Structures are given as C-alpha cells and as structure tokens.
Amino acid sequence: MSTQREVADEHHGGAATPRAPWWAIAIIMAGGVLAALQSRINADLAGQLESPYLAAFVSFGIGCLGLCVIVLSLPAERRAARDYARDIATGRFDWRYAIGGLGGAFLVFTQSLTVGVLGVALFIVSVVAGQTLAGAALDRVGFGPGEPRRLSTSRLVGSALMVASVALALASGLTNAVPWLNLILPFVAGIGVGLQTGANGIVTANTGSFLVSALGNFTLGSLALGIAAAVSLALTPLGGAFPTNPVLYLGGLIGLTYIAASAALVRYTGVLVLSGAAIAGQIIGSVMLDALDPSVHLSPLTVIGAALTLLAAVIIAGYIPLRSPRPE
C-alpha cells in the first residue's frame, strides 16, 4: 500500500524510514480541530466560574466519567483495565509510563499561571516549541510503541517551520517585551505533552486498549486538577457560578476523543508526526472558530501562518521529502 511505502532517510547512509499513513495524520488533524473547540469551551466555562482550575477539573472529570461508562460497558475493555491495574500493582508494567496524564494536567496548571503574564499567543508558541523538540527527541531514542526514527532533513525543517508558522499565525498577540524566564514553564509543559503522547502509546501497546490508556490519563489528570482546584478555592472563594448552558460541560467529552485517538495512532506515526498534525489541526481549528465569530478580525498573517502549519505537518510526515546534498 502507498501509505506504508518507505521513503529514503535523508541522512547519508541512513536506513529507510517508514512514512506515516495519511489516514492517521488526517484523524489526528481532525482531533486537533476538536481540541481547539475544547479549548474555547473550557475558556468560556472558566470565565463563568471565574476559576480556571475548577473549570479544568470539571472538564477532566466529565471526560473521566464518560470513559468509565464506556470501559465498564464493554467486557473486553473491563478485562484490559483490570489486567492493567494488576500489572502496575505487581510491577510487571513500569508505573512511570502510567503517569502520562500528568502532562496534560501540568499544561493546564501552567496555562493558569503564565497566560496572564505572557499572553495566549506567546504561551502557545512556547508550548509548541517544547512539544516539537520533545517529539523529535523522543522519536530519535524510541520512546513510544514504535522503533526509533532518525532525525531526517524533512523532520528538522518541518519542525522549524512548524514553530515559525505558529508564531506567524499568532503574531498579532505577541509583544515586544518578552519575559523570557516565564517562557520556561510552558516550554516544559510542551515537553510534558510529548512525553504523555509517547507514554500513552506504550500503555496502549501493553494493554491492547487505547480506551484504557485514555482512562488512565483522565483519572490521573482529574486527581491532580482536583487537588489544584481545592487549593485554589481554599485560597480564593469561587467568584462565579456554574452555568446552565449544557454546551459548556462538553469540553471533557470532546477532549477524550483526541486523547483516545492519540493513544491509538501514535504507533503508526511516532510522537513528532502526531504532534505536528495535532498542532496544525489546533491552529487551523482556532482560525475556523475565529472566522465564525463576527467580533473577531482575522489578519492575513494569521491565515497564512495557519496554512503553513499544514505544510509543516506534511513535511514532517515525509510526504514532501527534502534531501540533503550528497558529497561528490
């Protein structure tokens, strides 16, 4: 099949590298669009509650409950979840791979701490830089369910283009005064997202169930965010109220589709290709949502930057191979 065809590695004398299947990339991009929608819903919920920590906990908690219902209703998934818990308890499975859900929780925590100082645009660019770097490094060392993948010219150029494209798409939100020390947390959070993706793939390979992997993410993330929400509310009483609009409670259910898809597909794509496709989907999804909002004016740079993220994702995936010149 053409999607499984191998392309030559661009390093001199390197081995052939399998190209990620187009259908997996398309699904992850669609998941990225949904993630953009989830972010918008969660932001509205946080505004109503006047507590980003409580909003994140509610979103994660609803997603966790939804996954519990699905897993408990399917006998094969129940067995997989039971075996997974037993393997962790007995030490047959390394528990460190089971804490990938903390990556998502740390991202939400970091967002609450730094967005007020950095702004949304610079926060996202920092996260994307960390996520892209982590994807390249983790693929190189083989952290994930697949074999190690070489750092080809296409991967390096595509990764650089991805970060630059996101910065271009969000250029209107960037400021001249950059608080460099505050960029560290979102950069580390981006690395955490990459680690989460690789760990989820390992859990899926071990359990044979991407739903069990996703459930582990949501359970651990809900616990961490529940603690953060409790501490936040103990220090600052809730200023808002729970909204009556049911749409604002759908963020977690939307998010679980993306987490589950990532856990299922990372073995086909690797961490870097999956991250690139997800980032492109999120940026394109954000632009689509802004285009539907009459109060938002889209600049040409934003549209061009979003289009370039798609190009970057395609280059990273190897569909536009870039070959290094060979010595005479």
C-alpha atoms as a PDB file:
ATOM      1  CA  MET A   1       0.000   0.000   0.000  1.00  0.00           C
ATOM      2  CA  SER A   2       1.224   3.502  -0.776  1.00  0.00           C
ATOM      3  CA  THR A   3       0.666   4.693   2.789  1.00  0.00           C
ATOM      4  CA  GLN A   4       3.100   2.075   4.070  1.00  0.00           C
ATOM      5  CA  ARG A   5       5.681   2.711   1.362  1.00  0.00           C
ATOM      6  CA  GLU A   6       9.108   3.503   2.721  1.00  0.00           C
ATOM      7  CA  VAL A   7      10.957   6.671   1.847  1.00  0.00           C
ATOM      8  CA  ALA A   8      14.713   7.000   1.950  1.00  0.00           C
ATOM      9  CA  ASP A   9      16.182   8.645   5.000  1.00  0.00           C
ATOM     10  CA  GLU A  10      17.856  11.935   4.166  1.00  0.00           C
ATOM     11  CA  HIS A  11      20.932  11.235   6.258  1.00  0.00           C
ATOM     12  CA  HIS A  12      23.936   9.909   4.406  1.00  0.00           C
ATOM     13  CA  GLY A  13      23.940   6.153   4.593  1.00  0.00           C
ATOM     14  CA  GLY A  14      20.851   6.119   6.810  1.00  0.00           C
ATOM     15  CA  ALA A  15      18.282   3.353   6.898  1.00  0.00           C
ATOM     16  CA  ALA A  16      14.882   3.657   5.303  1.00  0.00           C
ATOM     17  CA  THR A  17      12.216   5.361   7.411  1.00  0.00           C
ATOM     18  CA  PRO A  18       8.545   4.338   7.203  1.00  0.00           C
ATOM     19  CA  ARG A  19       6.213   7.137   6.186  1.00  0.00           C
ATOM     20  CA  ALA A  20       3.247   7.762   8.459  1.00  0.00           C
ATOM     21  CA  PRO A  21      -0.078   6.703   6.873  1.00  0.00           C
ATOM     22  CA  TRP A  22      -2.124   9.634   5.580  1.00  0.00           C
ATOM     23  CA  TRP A  23      -5.317   8.447   7.240  1.00  0.00           C
ATOM     24  CA  ALA A  24      -3.710   8.537  10.692  1.00  0.00           C
ATOM     25  CA  ILE A  25      -2.463  12.073  10.054  1.00  0.00           C
ATOM     26  CA  ALA A  26      -5.939  13.146   8.889  1.00  0.00           C
ATOM     27  CA  ILE A  27      -7.581  11.707  12.015  1.00  0.00           C
ATOM     28  CA  ILE A  28      -5.095  13.435  14.308  1.00  0.00           C
ATOM     29  CA  MET A  29      -5.592  16.752  12.496  1.00  0.00           C
ATOM     30  CA  ALA A  30      -9.349  16.372  12.952  1.00  0.00           C
ATOM     31  CA  GLY A  31      -8.668  15.660  16.621  1.00  0.00           C
ATOM     32  CA  GLY A  32      -6.620  18.860  16.765  1.00  0.00           C
ATOM     33  CA  VAL A  33      -9.589  20.813  15.416  1.00  0.00           C
ATOM     34  CA  LEU A  34     -11.725  19.280  18.172  1.00  0.00           C
ATOM     35  CA  ALA A  35      -9.046  20.213  20.716  1.00  0.00           C
ATOM     36  CA  ALA A  36      -9.334  23.839  19.579  1.00  0.00           C
ATOM     37  CA  LEU A  37     -13.087  23.642  20.135  1.00  0.00           C
ATOM     38  CA  GLN A  38     -12.495  22.104  23.555  1.00  0.00           C
ATOM     39  CA  SER A  39     -10.148  24.956  24.490  1.00  0.00           C
ATOM     40  CA  ARG A  40     -12.749  27.523  23.504  1.00  0.00           C
ATOM     41  CA  ILE A  41     -15.456  25.760  25.539  1.00  0.00           C
ATOM     42  CA  ASN A  42     -13.193  25.382  28.576  1.00  0.00           C
ATOM     43  CA  ALA A  43     -12.222  29.051  28.386  1.00  0.00           C
ATOM     44  CA  ASP A  44     -15.899  30.040  28.423  1.00  0.00           C
ATOM     45  CA  LEU A  45     -16.522  27.715  31.381  1.00  0.00           C
ATOM     46  CA  ALA A  46     -13.562  29.218  33.253  1.00  0.00           C
ATOM     47  CA  GLY A  47     -14.960  32.682  32.596  1.00  0.00           C
ATOM     48  CA  GLN A  48     -18.349  31.715  34.017  1.00  0.00           C
ATOM     49  CA  LEU A  49     -16.829  30.067  37.095  1.00  0.00           C
ATOM     50  CA  GLU A  50     -14.056  32.663  37.454  1.00  0.00           C
ATOM     51  CA  SER A  51     -11.741  29.769  38.279  1.00  0.00           C
ATOM     52  CA  PRO A  52      -9.569  28.136  35.587  1.00  0.00           C
ATOM     53  CA  TYR A  53      -8.570  25.331  37.958  1.00  0.00           C
ATOM     54  CA  LEU A  54     -12.158  24.391  38.777  1.00  0.00           C
ATOM     55  CA  ALA A  55     -13.105  24.606  35.095  1.00  0.00           C
ATOM     56  CA  ALA A  56     -10.241  22.279  34.153  1.00  0.00           C
ATOM     57  CA  PHE A  57     -11.220  19.839  36.912  1.00  0.00           C
ATOM     58  CA  VAL A  58     -14.859  19.825  35.798  1.00  0.00           C
ATOM     59  CA  SER A  59     -13.814  19.249  32.178  1.00  0.00           C
ATOM     60  CA  PHE A  60     -11.390  16.427  33.041  1.00  0.00           C
ATOM     61  CA  GLY A  61     -13.848  14.908  35.497  1.00  0.00           C
ATOM     62  CA  ILE A  62     -16.672  14.730  32.963  1.00  0.00           C
ATOM     63  CA  GLY A  63     -14.311  13.183  30.422  1.00  0.00           C
ATOM     64  CA  CYS A  64     -13.202  10.651  33.030  1.00  0.00           C
ATOM     65  CA  LEU A  65     -16.803   9.722  33.872  1.00  0.00           C
ATOM     66  CA  GLY A  66     -17.610   9.328  30.178  1.00  0.00           C
ATOM     67  CA  LEU A  67     -14.663   6.973  29.674  1.00  0.00           C
ATOM     68  CA  CYS A  68     -15.595   4.997  32.792  1.00  0.00           C
ATOM     69  CA  VAL A  69     -19.061   4.380  31.367  1.00  0.00           C
ATOM     70  CA  ILE A  70     -17.604   3.229  28.038  1.00  0.00           C
ATOM     71  CA  VAL A  71     -14.952   0.960  29.563  1.00  0.00           C
ATOM     72  CA  LEU A  72     -17.328  -0.596  32.108  1.00  0.00           C
ATOM     73  CA  SER A  73     -19.941  -1.294  29.449  1.00  0.00           C
ATOM     74  CA  LEU A  74     -17.526  -3.305  27.269  1.00  0.00           C
ATOM     75  CA  PRO A  75     -16.369  -6.679  28.680  1.00  0.00           C
ATOM     76  CA  ALA A  76     -13.072  -6.685  26.756  1.00  0.00           C
ATOM     77  CA  GLU A  77     -12.234  -3.185  27.999  1.00  0.00           C
ATOM     78  CA  ARG A  78     -13.112  -4.144  31.581  1.00  0.00           C
ATOM     79  CA  ARG A  79     -10.698  -7.074  31.381  1.00  0.00           C
ATOM     80  CA  ALA A  80      -7.989  -4.877  29.882  1.00  0.00           C
ATOM     81  CA  ALA A  81      -8.428  -2.291  32.650  1.00  0.00           C
ATOM     82  CA  ARG A  82      -8.324  -4.976  35.351  1.00  0.00           C
ATOM     83  CA  ASP A  83      -5.199  -6.574  33.878  1.00  0.00           C
ATOM     84  CA  TYR A  84      -3.546  -3.160  33.529  1.00  0.00           C
ATOM     85  CA  ALA A  85      -4.181  -2.299  37.185  1.00  0.00           C
ATOM     86  CA  ARG A  86      -2.844  -5.714  38.241  1.00  0.00           C
ATOM     87  CA  ASP A  87       0.298  -5.349  36.120  1.00  0.00           C
ATOM     88  CA  ILE A  88       1.063  -1.974  37.710  1.00  0.00           C
ATOM     89  CA  ALA A  89       0.403  -3.291  41.227  1.00  0.00           C
ATOM     90  CA  THR A  90       2.640  -6.336  40.728  1.00  0.00           C
ATOM     91  CA  GLY A  91       5.411  -4.442  38.964  1.00  0.00           C
ATOM     92  CA  ARG A  92       5.005  -6.258  35.641  1.00  0.00           C
ATOM     93  CA  PHE A  93       4.418  -2.890  33.962  1.00  0.00           C
ATOM     94  CA  ASP A  94       6.598   0.144  34.719  1.00  0.00           C
ATOM     95  CA  TRP A  95       4.366   2.573  36.621  1.00  0.00           C
ATOM     96  CA  ARG A  96       6.269   5.561  35.206  1.00  0.00           C
ATOM     97  CA  TYR A  97       4.568   5.061  31.846  1.00  0.00           C
ATOM     98  CA  ALA A  98       1.212   5.205  33.628  1.00  0.00           C
ATOM     99  CA  ILE A  99       1.616   8.805  34.804  1.00  0.00           C
ATOM    100  CA  GLY A 100       1.428  10.346  31.343  1.00  0.00           C
ATOM    101  CA  GLY A 101      -1.819  12.044  32.316  1.00  0.00           C
ATOM    102  CA  LEU A 102       0.167  14.430  34.494  1.00  0.00           C
ATOM    103  CA  GLY A 103       1.469  16.017  31.281  1.00  0.00           C
ATOM    104  CA  GLY A 104      -1.987  17.305  30.384  1.00  0.00           C
ATOM    105  CA  ALA A 105      -2.682  18.417  33.950  1.00  0.00           C
ATOM    106  CA  PHE A 106       0.643  20.287  34.100  1.00  0.00           C
ATOM    107  CA  LEU A 107      -0.187  22.036  30.825  1.00  0.00           C
ATOM    108  CA  VAL A 108      -3.472  23.323  32.273  1.00  0.00           C
ATOM    109  CA  PHE A 109      -1.743  24.335  35.510  1.00  0.00           C
ATOM    110  CA  THR A 110       0.983  26.182  33.595  1.00  0.00           C
ATOM    111  CA  GLN A 111      -1.587  27.933  31.433  1.00  0.00           C
ATOM    112  CA  SER A 112      -3.317  29.313  34.509  1.00  0.00           C
ATOM    113  CA  LEU A 113      -0.014  30.553  35.946  1.00  0.00           C
ATOM    114  CA  THR A 114       1.602  32.155  32.898  1.00  0.00           C
ATOM    115  CA  VAL A 115      -1.011  33.253  30.349  1.00  0.00           C
ATOM    116  CA  GLY A 116      -1.724  36.413  32.342  1.00  0.00           C
ATOM    117  CA  VAL A 117       1.952  37.391  32.051  1.00  0.00           C
ATOM    118  CA  LEU A 118       2.840  36.043  28.608  1.00  0.00           C
ATOM    119  CA  GLY A 119      -0.449  36.345  26.756  1.00  0.00           C
ATOM    120  CA  VAL A 120      -2.112  33.464  24.939  1.00  0.00           C
ATOM    121  CA  ALA A 121      -0.032  33.774  21.756  1.00  0.00           C
ATOM    122  CA  LEU A 122       3.398  33.591  23.376  1.00  0.00           C
ATOM    123  CA  PHE A 123       2.200  30.800  25.671  1.00  0.00           C
ATOM    124  CA  ILE A 124       1.103  28.676  22.697  1.00  0.00           C
ATOM    125  CA  VAL A 125       4.327  29.330  20.758  1.00  0.00           C
ATOM    126  CA  SER A 126       6.368  28.240  23.796  1.00  0.00           C
ATOM    127  CA  VAL A 127       4.300  25.073  24.238  1.00  0.00           C
ATOM    128  CA  VAL A 128       4.601  24.228  20.537  1.00  0.00           C
ATOM    129  CA  ALA A 129       8.382  24.703  20.669  1.00  0.00           C
ATOM    130  CA  GLY A 130       8.664  22.320  23.624  1.00  0.00           C
ATOM    131  CA  GLN A 131       6.243  19.815  22.119  1.00  0.00           C
ATOM    132  CA  THR A 132       8.058  19.787  18.772  1.00  0.00           C
ATOM    133  CA  LEU A 133      11.504  19.411  20.345  1.00  0.00           C
ATOM    134  CA  ALA A 134      10.228  16.601  22.563  1.00  0.00           C
ATOM    135  CA  GLY A 135       8.651  14.827  19.603  1.00  0.00           C
ATOM    136  CA  ALA A 136      11.903  14.859  17.644  1.00  0.00           C
ATOM    137  CA  ALA A 137      13.999  13.714  20.612  1.00  0.00           C
ATOM    138  CA  LEU A 138      11.579  11.006  21.767  1.00  0.00           C
ATOM    139  CA  ASP A 139      11.288   9.564  18.266  1.00  0.00           C
ATOM    140  CA  ARG A 140      15.075   9.501  17.972  1.00  0.00           C
ATOM    141  CA  VAL A 141      15.523   7.473  21.171  1.00  0.00           C
ATOM    142  CA  GLY A 142      12.486   5.287  20.505  1.00  0.00           C
ATOM    143  CA  PHE A 143      10.313   6.436  23.417  1.00  0.00           C
ATOM    144  CA  GLY A 144       6.960   5.095  22.313  1.00  0.00           C
ATOM    145  CA  PRO A 145       5.444   1.942  20.863  1.00  0.00           C
ATOM    146  CA  GLY A 146       7.423   2.040  17.609  1.00  0.00           C
ATOM    147  CA  GLU A 147      11.053   1.802  16.544  1.00  0.00           C
ATOM    148  CA  PRO A 148      13.473   4.761  16.819  1.00  0.00           C
ATOM    149  CA  ARG A 149      13.139   7.241  13.945  1.00  0.00           C
ATOM    150  CA  ARG A 150      16.064   9.174  12.503  1.00  0.00           C
ATOM    151  CA  LEU A 151      16.171  12.973  12.559  1.00  0.00           C
ATOM    152  CA  SER A 152      15.929  13.434   8.803  1.00  0.00           C
ATOM    153  CA  THR A 153      16.168  16.743   6.978  1.00  0.00           C
ATOM    154  CA  SER A 154      12.400  16.718   6.428  1.00  0.00           C
ATOM    155  CA  ARG A 155      11.765  16.295  10.149  1.00  0.00           C
ATOM    156  CA  LEU A 156      14.173  19.047  11.155  1.00  0.00           C
ATOM    157  CA  VAL A 157      12.998  21.538   8.524  1.00  0.00           C
ATOM    158  CA  GLY A 158       9.348  20.701   9.127  1.00  0.00           C
ATOM    159  CA  SER A 159       9.761  21.137  12.887  1.00  0.00           C
ATOM    160  CA  ALA A 160      11.411  24.541  12.483  1.00  0.00           C
ATOM    161  CA  LEU A 161       8.709  25.593  10.017  1.00  0.00           C
ATOM    162  CA  MET A 162       6.010  24.436  12.447  1.00  0.00           C
ATOM    163  CA  VAL A 163       7.255  26.658  15.276  1.00  0.00           C
ATOM    164  CA  ALA A 164       7.736  29.613  12.911  1.00  0.00           C
ATOM    165  CA  SER A 165       4.282  29.108  11.378  1.00  0.00           C
ATOM    166  CA  VAL A 166       2.566  29.074  14.762  1.00  0.00           C
ATOM    167  CA  ALA A 167       4.436  32.237  15.726  1.00  0.00           C
ATOM    168  CA  LEU A 168       3.320  33.857  12.457  1.00  0.00           C
ATOM    169  CA  ALA A 169      -0.298  32.796  12.953  1.00  0.00           C
ATOM    170  CA  LEU A 170      -0.285  34.321  16.436  1.00  0.00           C
ATOM    171  CA  ALA A 171       1.918  37.317  15.603  1.00  0.00           C
ATOM    172  CA  SER A 172      -0.799  39.838  16.445  1.00  0.00           C
ATOM    173  CA  GLY A 173      -0.777  38.631  20.047  1.00  0.00           C
ATOM    174  CA  LEU A 174       2.983  38.778  20.518  1.00  0.00           C
ATOM    175  CA  THR A 175       4.541  41.659  22.436  1.00  0.00           C
ATOM    176  CA  ASN A 176       7.950  43.285  22.232  1.00  0.00           C
ATOM    177  CA  ALA A 177       8.615  42.904  25.958  1.00  0.00           C
ATOM    178  CA  VAL A 178       9.221  39.170  26.313  1.00  0.00           C
ATOM    179  CA  PRO A 179       9.541  37.916  29.916  1.00  0.00           C
ATOM    180  CA  TRP A 180      11.997  35.172  28.992  1.00  0.00           C
ATOM    181  CA  LEU A 181      12.019  33.403  32.359  1.00  0.00           C
ATOM    182  CA  ASN A 182       8.264  32.943  32.152  1.00  0.00           C
ATOM    183  CA  LEU A 183       8.701  31.030  28.877  1.00  0.00           C
ATOM    184  CA  ILE A 184      10.326  28.120  30.708  1.00  0.00           C
ATOM    185  CA  LEU A 185       7.145  26.687  32.238  1.00  0.00           C
ATOM    186  CA  PRO A 186       5.103  26.487  29.002  1.00  0.00           C
ATOM    187  CA  PHE A 187       8.164  25.134  27.164  1.00  0.00           C
ATOM    188  CA  VAL A 188       8.499  22.383  29.788  1.00  0.00           C
ATOM    189  CA  ALA A 189       4.734  21.804  29.577  1.00  0.00           C
ATOM    190  CA  GLY A 190       5.126  21.227  25.833  1.00  0.00           C
ATOM    191  CA  ILE A 191       7.814  18.638  26.557  1.00  0.00           C
ATOM    192  CA  GLY A 192       5.395  17.055  29.017  1.00  0.00           C
ATOM    193  CA  VAL A 193       2.746  16.758  26.309  1.00  0.00           C
ATOM    194  CA  GLY A 194       5.266  14.950  24.101  1.00  0.00           C
ATOM    195  CA  LEU A 195       6.146  12.565  26.928  1.00  0.00           C
ATOM    196  CA  GLN A 196       2.439  11.986  27.543  1.00  0.00           C
ATOM    197  CA  THR A 197       1.895  11.026  23.902  1.00  0.00           C
ATOM    198  CA  GLY A 198       4.747   8.518  23.897  1.00  0.00           C
ATOM    199  CA  ALA A 199       3.728   7.024  27.250  1.00  0.00           C
ATOM    200  CA  ASN A 200       0.125   6.653  26.087  1.00  0.00           C
ATOM    201  CA  GLY A 201       1.311   4.675  23.087  1.00  0.00           C
ATOM    202  CA  ILE A 202       3.329   2.354  25.328  1.00  0.00           C
ATOM    203  CA  VAL A 203       0.329   1.792  27.612  1.00  0.00           C
ATOM    204  CA  THR A 204      -1.877   1.080  24.591  1.00  0.00           C
ATOM    205  CA  ALA A 205       0.624  -1.463  23.255  1.00  0.00           C
ATOM    206  CA  ASN A 206       0.789  -3.150  26.669  1.00  0.00           C
ATOM    207  CA  THR A 207      -2.963  -3.293  27.323  1.00  0.00           C
ATOM    208  CA  GLY A 208      -4.213  -3.630  23.754  1.00  0.00           C
ATOM    209  CA  SER A 209      -6.720  -0.863  24.524  1.00  0.00           C
ATOM    210  CA  PHE A 210      -6.416   2.833  23.714  1.00  0.00           C
ATOM    211  CA  LEU A 211      -9.521   3.442  25.842  1.00  0.00           C
ATOM    212  CA  VAL A 212      -7.790   2.084  28.943  1.00  0.00           C
ATOM    213  CA  SER A 213      -4.783   4.289  28.180  1.00  0.00           C
ATOM    214  CA  ALA A 214      -7.049   7.335  27.849  1.00  0.00           C
ATOM    215  CA  LEU A 215      -8.897   6.423  31.050  1.00  0.00           C
ATOM    216  CA  GLY A 216      -5.606   6.338  32.935  1.00  0.00           C
ATOM    217  CA  ASN A 217      -4.832   9.821  31.609  1.00  0.00           C
ATOM    218  CA  PHE A 218      -8.162  11.270  32.633  1.00  0.00           C
ATOM    219  CA  THR A 219      -8.162   9.595  36.053  1.00  0.00           C
ATOM    220  CA  LEU A 220      -4.715  10.875  36.999  1.00  0.00           C
ATOM    221  CA  GLY A 221      -5.334  14.281  35.418  1.00  0.00           C
ATOM    222  CA  SER A 222      -8.638  14.662  37.261  1.00  0.00           C
ATOM    223  CA  LEU A 223      -6.961  13.809  40.559  1.00  0.00           C
ATOM    224  CA  ALA A 224      -4.157  16.339  40.039  1.00  0.00           C
ATOM    225  CA  LEU A 225      -6.515  19.090  38.882  1.00  0.00           C
ATOM    226  CA  GLY A 226      -8.940  18.303  41.703  1.00  0.00           C
ATOM    227  CA  ILE A 227      -6.162  18.972  44.211  1.00  0.00           C
ATOM    228  CA  ALA A 228      -5.211  22.193  42.392  1.00  0.00           C
ATOM    229  CA  ALA A 229      -8.860  23.320  42.336  1.00  0.00           C
ATOM    230  CA  ALA A 230      -9.300  22.566  46.045  1.00  0.00           C
ATOM    231  CA  VAL A 231      -6.195  24.570  46.965  1.00  0.00           C
ATOM    232  CA  SER A 232      -7.271  27.437  44.698  1.00  0.00           C
ATOM    233  CA  LEU A 233     -10.762  27.587  46.201  1.00  0.00           C
ATOM    234  CA  ALA A 234      -9.340  27.415  49.717  1.00  0.00           C
ATOM    235  CA  LEU A 235      -7.227  30.483  48.976  1.00  0.00           C
ATOM    236  CA  THR A 236      -9.773  32.370  46.857  1.00  0.00           C
ATOM    237  CA  PRO A 237     -13.535  31.761  47.169  1.00  0.00           C
ATOM    238  CA  LEU A 238     -15.404  30.996  43.953  1.00  0.00           C
ATOM    239  CA  GLY A 239     -16.347  34.266  42.287  1.00  0.00           C
ATOM    240  CA  GLY A 240     -18.651  32.914  39.596  1.00  0.00           C
ATOM    241  CA  ALA A 241     -21.351  30.273  39.346  1.00  0.00           C
ATOM    242  CA  PHE A 242     -21.916  27.035  37.479  1.00  0.00           C
ATOM    243  CA  PRO A 243     -23.516  27.899  34.112  1.00  0.00           C
ATOM    244  CA  THR A 244     -26.818  26.411  32.994  1.00  0.00           C
ATOM    245  CA  ASN A 245     -25.707  26.089  29.355  1.00  0.00           C
ATOM    246  CA  PRO A 246     -25.015  22.338  28.865  1.00  0.00           C
ATOM    247  CA  VAL A 247     -22.632  23.004  25.962  1.00  0.00           C
ATOM    248  CA  LEU A 248     -20.065  24.390  28.399  1.00  0.00           C
ATOM    249  CA  TYR A 249     -19.758  20.960  30.005  1.00  0.00           C
ATOM    250  CA  LEU A 250     -18.877  19.140  26.771  1.00  0.00           C
ATOM    251  CA  GLY A 251     -15.183  20.048  26.774  1.00  0.00           C
ATOM    252  CA  GLY A 252     -14.092  16.887  28.559  1.00  0.00           C
ATOM    253  CA  LEU A 253     -16.113  14.617  26.283  1.00  0.00           C
ATOM    254  CA  ILE A 254     -14.612  16.316  23.232  1.00  0.00           C
ATOM    255  CA  GLY A 255     -11.136  16.039  24.726  1.00  0.00           C
ATOM    256  CA  LEU A 256     -11.396  12.318  25.344  1.00  0.00           C
ATOM    257  CA  THR A 257     -11.798  11.694  21.609  1.00  0.00           C
ATOM    258  CA  TYR A 258      -8.471  13.417  20.947  1.00  0.00           C
ATOM    259  CA  ILE A 259      -6.636  11.642  23.785  1.00  0.00           C
ATOM    260  CA  ALA A 260      -8.010   8.253  22.736  1.00  0.00           C
ATOM    261  CA  ALA A 261      -7.130   8.847  19.073  1.00  0.00           C
ATOM    262  CA  SER A 262      -3.586   9.891  20.007  1.00  0.00           C
ATOM    263  CA  ALA A 263      -3.088   6.803  22.157  1.00  0.00           C
ATOM    264  CA  ALA A 264      -4.336   4.573  19.343  1.00  0.00           C
ATOM    265  CA  LEU A 265      -2.416   6.167  16.466  1.00  0.00           C
ATOM    266  CA  VAL A 266       0.993   7.127  17.873  1.00  0.00           C
ATOM    267  CA  ARG A 267       2.331   3.659  16.996  1.00  0.00           C
ATOM    268  CA  TYR A 268       1.651   4.439  13.325  1.00  0.00           C
ATOM    269  CA  THR A 269       3.004   7.992  13.323  1.00  0.00           C
ATOM    270  CA  GLY A 270       5.572   8.394  16.069  1.00  0.00           C
ATOM    271  CA  VAL A 271       5.482  11.264  18.552  1.00  0.00           C
ATOM    272  CA  LEU A 272       6.799  14.016  16.253  1.00  0.00           C
ATOM    273  CA  VAL A 273       4.446  13.404  13.311  1.00  0.00           C
ATOM    274  CA  LEU A 274       1.488  13.084  15.673  1.00  0.00           C
ATOM    275  CA  SER A 275       2.437  16.299  17.471  1.00  0.00           C
ATOM    276  CA  GLY A 276       2.850  18.165  14.185  1.00  0.00           C
ATOM    277  CA  ALA A 277      -0.516  17.016  12.858  1.00  0.00           C
ATOM    278  CA  ALA A 278      -2.230  17.851  16.154  1.00  0.00           C
ATOM    279  CA  ILE A 279      -0.681  21.335  16.301  1.00  0.00           C
ATOM    280  CA  ALA A 280      -1.725  22.055  12.713  1.00  0.00           C
ATOM    281  CA  GLY A 281      -5.261  20.893  13.487  1.00  0.00           C
ATOM    282  CA  GLN A 282      -5.452  23.078  16.585  1.00  0.00           C
ATOM    283  CA  ILE A 283      -4.234  26.210  14.803  1.00  0.00           C
ATOM    284  CA  ILE A 284      -6.487  25.628  11.791  1.00  0.00           C
ATOM    285  CA  GLY A 285      -9.406  24.865  14.116  1.00  0.00           C
ATOM    286  CA  SER A 286      -8.797  28.081  16.045  1.00  0.00           C
ATOM    287  CA  VAL A 287      -8.788  30.080  12.807  1.00  0.00           C
ATOM    288  CA  MET A 288     -12.030  28.400  11.718  1.00  0.00           C
ATOM    289  CA  LEU A 289     -13.687  29.272  15.038  1.00  0.00           C
ATOM    290  CA  ASP A 290     -12.460  32.868  14.784  1.00  0.00           C
ATOM    291  CA  ALA A 291     -13.811  33.074  11.229  1.00  0.00           C
ATOM    292  CA  LEU A 292     -17.258  32.135  12.549  1.00  0.00           C
ATOM    293  CA  ASP A 293     -17.100  34.850  15.217  1.00  0.00           C
ATOM    294  CA  PRO A 294     -18.170  38.218  13.746  1.00  0.00           C
ATOM    295  CA  SER A 295     -16.431  40.070  16.573  1.00  0.00           C
ATOM    296  CA  VAL A 296     -13.016  38.672  15.596  1.00  0.00           C
ATOM    297  CA  HIS A 297     -10.962  40.146  12.757  1.00  0.00           C
ATOM    298  CA  LEU A 298      -8.633  37.624  11.130  1.00  0.00           C
ATOM    299  CA  SER A 299      -5.399  39.122   9.850  1.00  0.00           C
ATOM    300  CA  PRO A 300      -3.757  37.823   6.656  1.00  0.00           C
ATOM    301  CA  LEU A 301      -0.722  36.748   8.714  1.00  0.00           C
ATOM    302  CA  THR A 302      -2.934  34.531  10.865  1.00  0.00           C
ATOM    303  CA  VAL A 303      -4.414  32.771   7.843  1.00  0.00           C
ATOM    304  CA  ILE A 304      -1.001  32.382   6.162  1.00  0.00           C
ATOM    305  CA  GLY A 305       0.529  31.054   9.374  1.00  0.00           C
ATOM    306  CA  ALA A 306      -2.273  28.508   9.784  1.00  0.00           C
ATOM    307  CA  ALA A 307      -1.803  27.323   6.195  1.00  0.00           C
ATOM    308  CA  LEU A 308       1.941  26.965   6.776  1.00  0.00           C
ATOM    309  CA  THR A 309       1.331  24.744   9.817  1.00  0.00           C
ATOM    310  CA  LEU A 310      -0.429  22.336   7.473  1.00  0.00           C
ATOM    311  CA  LEU A 311       2.569  22.426   5.117  1.00  0.00           C
ATOM    312  CA  ALA A 312       4.923  21.862   8.051  1.00  0.00           C
ATOM    313  CA  ALA A 313       2.922  18.832   9.223  1.00  0.00           C
ATOM    314  CA  VAL A 314       3.066  17.326   5.726  1.00  0.00           C
ATOM    315  CA  ILE A 315       6.846  17.894   5.536  1.00  0.00           C
ATOM    316  CA  ILE A 316       7.413  16.331   8.971  1.00  0.00           C
ATOM    317  CA  ALA A 317       5.370  13.301   7.900  1.00  0.00           C
ATOM    318  CA  GLY A 318       7.666  12.787   4.908  1.00  0.00           C
ATOM    319  CA  TYR A 319       5.189  13.481   2.124  1.00  0.00           C
ATOM    320  CA  ILE A 320       7.424  16.275   0.787  1.00  0.00           C
ATOM    321  CA  PRO A 321      10.883  14.702   1.208  1.00  0.00           C
ATOM    322  CA  LEU A 322      13.803  17.108   1.480  1.00  0.00           C
ATOM    323  CA  ARG A 323      17.111  15.501   0.625  1.00  0.00           C
ATOM    324  CA  SER A 324      20.479  16.700   1.810  1.00  0.00           C
ATOM    325  CA  PRO A 325      23.053  17.099  -0.981  1.00  0.00           C
ATOM    326  CA  ARG A 326      25.407  14.131  -1.080  1.00  0.00           C
ATOM    327  CA  PRO A 327      29.146  14.683  -1.295  1.00  0.00           C
ATOM    328  CA  GLU A 328      30.813  14.095  -4.643  1.00  0.00           C
END
